[in-house]
């Protein structure tokens, strides 16, 4: 087993090499040219997976492949709202690597902050849902197309704390992330009979390109704001934390976990911030 490999240190002590948890697996990640997708692609590759980088940011996507290595990754231009693109990305995984074990539907966008729903344009609402919901649906559909005959696979999608908490994102983004959770649950029921697991991840605020563009804040300012509003103090959420959660759900360590929405939010989504029990006595 990979995890049983032994190395000898400079002082003669033996050290066990950490196991590569995705050895022999093939993963397709949408939105993998930057942010959470990029970090996850690199982590999956470190753990032995072959990676298909699917994105519309061609130069950035190719740069991620260069960083991973051409023997372990391939870039495919993929607009997740275009079914032909999604189908082609899945088919490329099969053609190049012979299988698809992990589908990570991560591509997403947000829209501009609107002060109220009256000023919300229908076209902008539909754009967000088209990418964040229909894009996930198409990824699930075509992953299932190749996973069902194989009777195995793990489908993961990126949701958000906005899938559970109101008032933290725009109407379109919040609606879309709620829908991702619904799709996840429904598909987990359908594909369970084929040994395929379906889960999603719901991160708290992270200083990704899309989040910084949404808020207009640079990394340090964004993280200061997120830490101030967050529940778990003394810790800053990073893209690596989401990648590690995705690694767990993709690996055999999560072999009996399906239909779940895993929150990586430091307890943010379960807290009513108006109740501060550290000052409870003062408020009586």
Protein backbone atom coordinates (compact mmCIF):
# COMPACT_ATOMS: atom_id res chain seq x y z
CA UNK A 1 0.00 0.00 0.00
CA UNK A 2 1.18 3.55 -0.69
CA UNK A 3 0.68 4.56 2.92
CA UNK A 4 3.06 1.81 4.07
CA UNK A 5 6.09 3.10 2.17
CA UNK A 6 9.02 3.76 4.47
CA UNK A 7 11.77 6.34 4.07
CA UNK A 8 14.97 6.70 6.07
CA UNK A 9 15.75 10.08 7.62
CA UNK A 10 19.16 11.67 7.92
CA UNK A 11 19.58 10.36 11.48
CA UNK A 12 18.67 6.83 10.48
CA UNK A 13 15.11 7.00 11.81
CA UNK A 14 12.37 5.51 9.64
CA UNK A 15 9.43 7.67 8.52
CA UNK A 16 6.16 6.52 7.02
CA UNK A 17 5.23 8.37 3.83
CA UNK A 18 1.73 9.91 4.09
CA UNK A 19 -0.80 7.97 1.98
CA UNK A 20 -1.84 9.33 -1.40
CA UNK A 21 -5.59 9.20 -0.91
CA UNK A 22 -6.63 9.43 -4.58
CA UNK A 23 -4.05 7.12 -6.11
CA UNK A 24 -5.30 5.77 -9.45
CA UNK A 25 -8.34 8.06 -9.57
CA UNK A 26 -9.36 10.60 -12.21
CA UNK A 27 -10.98 13.90 -11.23
CA UNK A 28 -12.66 16.58 -13.34
CA UNK A 29 -12.92 20.00 -11.70
CA UNK A 30 -14.89 22.89 -13.17
CA UNK A 31 -13.77 26.41 -12.38
CA UNK A 32 -10.32 24.98 -11.70
CA UNK A 33 -8.28 27.82 -13.17
CA UNK A 34 -8.40 29.88 -9.97
CA UNK A 35 -9.64 30.02 -6.39
CA UNK A 36 -11.05 26.91 -4.73
CA UNK A 37 -10.90 24.90 -7.96
CA UNK A 38 -7.21 25.61 -8.56
CA UNK A 39 -6.27 24.75 -4.98
CA UNK A 40 -8.31 21.54 -5.11
CA UNK A 41 -6.80 20.48 -8.43
CA UNK A 42 -3.29 20.82 -7.05
CA UNK A 43 -4.16 18.97 -3.82
CA UNK A 44 -5.90 16.14 -5.69
CA UNK A 45 -2.84 15.78 -7.92
CA UNK A 46 -0.56 15.62 -4.89
CA UNK A 47 -2.68 12.70 -3.72
CA UNK A 48 -2.23 10.76 -6.94
CA UNK A 49 -5.21 11.79 -9.06
CA UNK A 50 -5.15 12.61 -12.75
CA UNK A 51 -6.85 15.98 -13.23
CA UNK A 52 -9.00 17.51 -15.95
CA UNK A 53 -8.99 21.30 -15.52
CA UNK A 54 -12.27 22.61 -16.97
CA UNK A 55 -12.68 26.37 -17.20
CA UNK A 56 -13.21 29.31 -19.56
CA UNK A 57 -10.05 31.08 -18.36
CA UNK A 58 -7.75 29.41 -20.86
CA UNK A 59 -4.41 30.95 -19.92
CA UNK A 60 -4.95 30.50 -16.20
CA UNK A 61 -6.20 26.94 -16.71
CA UNK A 62 -3.14 26.01 -18.75
CA UNK A 63 -0.93 27.55 -16.09
CA UNK A 64 -2.52 25.28 -13.46
CA UNK A 65 -1.78 22.29 -15.69
CA UNK A 66 1.83 23.43 -16.04
CA UNK A 67 2.10 23.65 -12.25
CA UNK A 68 0.65 20.17 -11.79
CA UNK A 69 2.51 18.59 -14.69
CA UNK A 70 1.36 17.58 -18.16
CA UNK A 71 1.61 13.87 -17.35
CA UNK A 72 -0.96 14.27 -14.58
CA UNK A 73 -3.34 16.89 -15.95
CA UNK A 74 -5.05 18.27 -19.03
CA UNK A 75 -6.91 21.51 -19.66
CA UNK A 76 -10.28 21.60 -21.41
CA UNK A 77 -12.13 24.80 -22.29
CA UNK A 78 -15.57 24.41 -20.74
CA UNK A 79 -18.47 26.81 -20.38
CA UNK A 80 -20.63 24.95 -17.86
CA UNK A 81 -23.81 26.46 -19.34
CA UNK A 82 -23.01 24.83 -22.68
CA UNK A 83 -24.01 21.16 -22.61
CA UNK A 84 -21.72 20.31 -25.52
CA UNK A 85 -18.77 21.75 -23.59
CA UNK A 86 -19.62 19.77 -20.46
CA UNK A 87 -20.15 16.57 -22.45
CA UNK A 88 -16.82 17.12 -24.21
CA UNK A 89 -14.99 17.63 -20.92
CA UNK A 90 -16.37 14.37 -19.52
CA UNK A 91 -15.63 12.51 -22.75
CA UNK A 92 -12.08 13.88 -22.70
CA UNK A 93 -11.56 12.35 -19.26
CA UNK A 94 -12.64 8.97 -20.60
CA UNK A 95 -10.62 9.28 -23.80
CA UNK A 96 -7.40 10.41 -22.13
CA UNK A 97 -7.52 8.57 -18.81
CA UNK A 98 -10.08 5.81 -19.39
CA UNK A 99 -12.32 6.64 -16.43
CA UNK A 100 -13.91 9.33 -14.28
CA UNK A 101 -13.98 8.77 -10.53
CA UNK A 102 -14.55 12.28 -9.19
CA UNK A 103 -16.65 15.13 -10.55
CA UNK A 104 -16.26 18.44 -8.71
CA UNK A 105 -18.83 21.01 -9.88
CA UNK A 106 -17.12 24.12 -8.60
CA UNK A 107 -17.59 26.79 -11.29
CA UNK A 108 -19.77 29.69 -10.15
CA UNK A 109 -20.34 33.43 -10.42
CA UNK A 110 -22.04 36.06 -8.36
CA UNK A 111 -23.76 39.28 -9.30
CA UNK A 112 -23.56 42.86 -8.14
CA UNK A 113 -25.01 43.78 -4.76
CA UNK A 114 -28.48 45.27 -5.14
CA UNK A 115 -30.11 47.31 -2.35
CA UNK A 116 -33.52 45.71 -2.97
CA UNK A 117 -35.32 43.25 -5.20
CA UNK A 118 -37.22 45.99 -7.07
CA UNK A 119 -34.01 47.03 -8.79
CA UNK A 120 -33.08 43.46 -9.69
CA UNK A 121 -32.89 42.78 -13.42
CA UNK A 122 -34.34 39.47 -14.63
CA UNK A 123 -31.43 38.91 -17.03
CA UNK A 124 -28.86 39.14 -14.23
CA UNK A 125 -30.85 36.80 -11.99
CA UNK A 126 -31.09 34.26 -14.81
CA UNK A 127 -27.36 34.55 -15.60
CA UNK A 128 -26.38 33.54 -12.06
CA UNK A 129 -28.82 30.63 -11.98
CA UNK A 130 -27.74 29.48 -15.44
CA UNK A 131 -24.11 29.12 -14.34
CA UNK A 132 -24.55 28.17 -10.70
CA UNK A 133 -27.48 25.78 -11.05
CA UNK A 134 -27.79 24.65 -14.66
CA UNK A 135 -24.00 24.33 -14.83
CA UNK A 136 -24.04 22.03 -11.80
CA UNK A 137 -26.97 20.06 -13.22
CA UNK A 138 -25.10 19.46 -16.49
CA UNK A 139 -21.97 18.39 -14.65
CA UNK A 140 -23.99 15.95 -12.57
CA UNK A 141 -25.85 14.63 -15.60
CA UNK A 142 -22.79 13.85 -17.69
CA UNK A 143 -20.77 12.55 -14.76
CA UNK A 144 -23.64 10.14 -14.05
CA UNK A 145 -23.61 9.11 -17.70
CA UNK A 146 -20.16 7.58 -17.33
CA UNK A 147 -20.25 6.68 -13.62
CA UNK A 148 -23.44 4.60 -13.70
CA UNK A 149 -21.96 1.93 -16.02
CA UNK A 150 -18.84 1.85 -13.80
CA UNK A 151 -21.03 1.47 -10.68
CA UNK A 152 -18.82 3.85 -8.71
CA UNK A 153 -17.95 7.53 -8.38
CA UNK A 154 -18.06 10.65 -6.22
CA UNK A 155 -19.86 13.82 -7.32
CA UNK A 156 -19.14 16.95 -5.30
CA UNK A 157 -20.51 20.46 -5.80
CA UNK A 158 -19.66 23.80 -4.24
CA UNK A 159 -22.60 25.34 -2.40
CA UNK A 160 -22.20 28.09 0.23
CA UNK A 161 -23.27 29.21 3.69
CA UNK A 162 -25.85 31.10 1.61
CA UNK A 163 -27.49 27.71 1.06
CA UNK A 164 -28.64 27.86 4.67
CA UNK A 165 -28.45 31.44 5.92
CA UNK A 166 -30.38 34.37 4.51
CA UNK A 167 -28.98 37.84 4.06
CA UNK A 168 -25.35 36.91 3.32
CA UNK A 169 -25.50 37.07 -0.49
CA UNK A 170 -27.63 38.34 -3.36
CA UNK A 171 -31.04 36.88 -4.12
CA UNK A 172 -29.73 35.09 -7.19
CA UNK A 173 -26.67 33.61 -5.50
CA UNK A 174 -28.63 32.50 -2.43
CA UNK A 175 -31.33 30.91 -4.61
CA UNK A 176 -28.71 29.12 -6.68
CA UNK A 177 -26.86 27.67 -3.71
CA UNK A 178 -30.11 26.44 -2.15
CA UNK A 179 -30.79 24.71 -5.48
CA UNK A 180 -27.37 23.04 -5.46
CA UNK A 181 -28.23 21.44 -2.13
CA UNK A 182 -31.58 20.24 -3.51
CA UNK A 183 -29.92 18.74 -6.57
CA UNK A 184 -27.32 17.06 -4.36
CA UNK A 185 -29.95 15.39 -2.19
CA UNK A 186 -32.12 14.30 -5.09
CA UNK A 187 -29.23 12.87 -7.06
CA UNK A 188 -27.80 11.09 -4.01
CA UNK A 189 -31.09 9.20 -3.77
CA UNK A 190 -31.10 8.32 -7.46
CA UNK A 191 -27.47 7.26 -7.78
CA UNK A 192 -27.09 5.42 -4.50
CA UNK A 193 -28.25 2.20 -6.15
CA UNK A 194 -25.19 2.44 -8.44
CA UNK A 195 -22.68 2.96 -5.64
CA UNK A 196 -22.22 6.64 -6.55
CA UNK A 197 -21.94 9.21 -3.76
CA UNK A 198 -23.20 12.79 -4.16
CA UNK A 199 -22.33 15.57 -1.71
CA UNK A 200 -21.75 19.32 -1.58
CA UNK A 201 -19.57 21.74 0.35
CA UNK A 202 -20.72 25.01 1.92
CA UNK A 203 -17.83 27.36 2.70
CA UNK A 204 -17.91 30.56 4.70
CA UNK A 205 -16.32 33.68 3.18
CA UNK A 206 -12.94 33.11 1.50
CA UNK A 207 -10.74 35.63 -0.30
CA UNK A 208 -11.12 34.07 -3.74
CA UNK A 209 -11.07 36.21 -6.91
CA UNK A 210 -14.87 36.04 -7.20
CA UNK A 211 -15.37 37.04 -3.56
CA UNK A 212 -12.91 39.93 -3.72
CA UNK A 213 -14.54 41.17 -6.90
CA UNK A 214 -17.95 40.94 -5.22
CA UNK A 215 -16.90 42.96 -2.17
CA UNK A 216 -14.29 45.22 -3.77
CA UNK A 217 -11.82 44.24 -1.02
CA UNK A 218 -8.26 42.98 -1.38
CA UNK A 219 -7.16 39.78 0.38
CA UNK A 220 -6.04 41.24 3.71
CA UNK A 221 -9.05 43.53 4.08
CA UNK A 222 -11.43 40.76 3.02
CA UNK A 223 -10.01 38.34 5.57
CA UNK A 224 -10.17 40.95 8.32
CA UNK A 225 -13.83 41.56 7.49
CA UNK A 226 -14.58 37.81 7.34
CA UNK A 227 -12.82 37.12 10.63
CA UNK A 228 -14.71 39.93 12.34
CA UNK A 229 -18.07 38.59 11.16
CA UNK A 230 -17.15 34.93 11.65
CA UNK A 231 -17.95 32.77 14.65
CA UNK A 232 -14.69 30.85 15.07
CA UNK A 233 -12.01 33.27 16.17
CA UNK A 234 -8.26 32.98 15.73
CA UNK A 235 -8.58 31.10 12.43
CA UNK A 236 -8.73 32.40 8.87
CA UNK A 237 -10.55 30.27 6.31
CA UNK A 238 -8.42 29.56 3.22
CA UNK A 239 -9.06 27.84 -0.11
CA UNK A 240 -6.86 25.00 1.14
CA UNK A 241 -9.42 24.24 3.84
CA UNK A 242 -12.12 23.71 1.23
CA UNK A 243 -9.78 21.63 -0.92
CA UNK A 244 -9.07 19.36 2.05
CA UNK A 245 -12.79 18.90 2.67
CA UNK A 246 -13.27 18.03 -1.01
CA UNK A 247 -10.36 15.57 -0.75
CA UNK A 248 -12.09 13.83 2.14
CA UNK A 249 -15.42 13.54 0.30
CA UNK A 250 -13.65 12.33 -2.85
CA UNK A 251 -11.61 9.70 -1.04
CA UNK A 252 -12.52 6.24 0.18
CA UNK A 253 -12.45 7.60 3.72
CA UNK A 254 -15.93 8.98 2.95
CA UNK A 255 -17.14 5.76 1.34
CA UNK A 256 -20.49 5.79 3.19
CA UNK A 257 -21.16 9.53 3.10
CA UNK A 258 -23.74 10.70 0.56
CA UNK A 259 -26.44 13.33 0.29
CA UNK A 260 -24.66 15.67 2.70
CA UNK A 261 -24.05 19.41 2.69
CA UNK A 262 -20.77 19.81 4.57
CA UNK A 263 -20.35 23.26 6.12
CA UNK A 264 -16.82 24.63 6.40
CA UNK A 265 -17.85 27.76 8.23
CA UNK A 266 -16.59 27.65 11.81
CA UNK A 267 -20.15 27.42 13.09
CA UNK A 268 -21.27 30.61 11.31
CA UNK A 269 -24.43 29.08 9.90
CA UNK A 270 -25.72 27.82 13.26
CA UNK A 271 -25.21 31.02 15.25
CA UNK A 272 -27.64 33.84 15.96
CA UNK A 273 -25.19 36.73 16.36
CA UNK A 274 -27.74 38.79 18.29
CA UNK A 275 -27.33 36.35 21.18
CA UNK A 276 -23.94 36.85 22.83
CA UNK A 277 -23.81 34.42 25.75
CA UNK A 278 -20.48 35.84 26.94
CA UNK A 279 -22.43 38.97 27.83
CA UNK A 280 -25.71 37.22 28.61
CA UNK A 281 -25.78 38.27 32.25
CA UNK A 282 -25.17 41.87 31.31
CA UNK A 283 -28.21 41.79 29.03
CA UNK A 284 -30.67 40.51 31.62
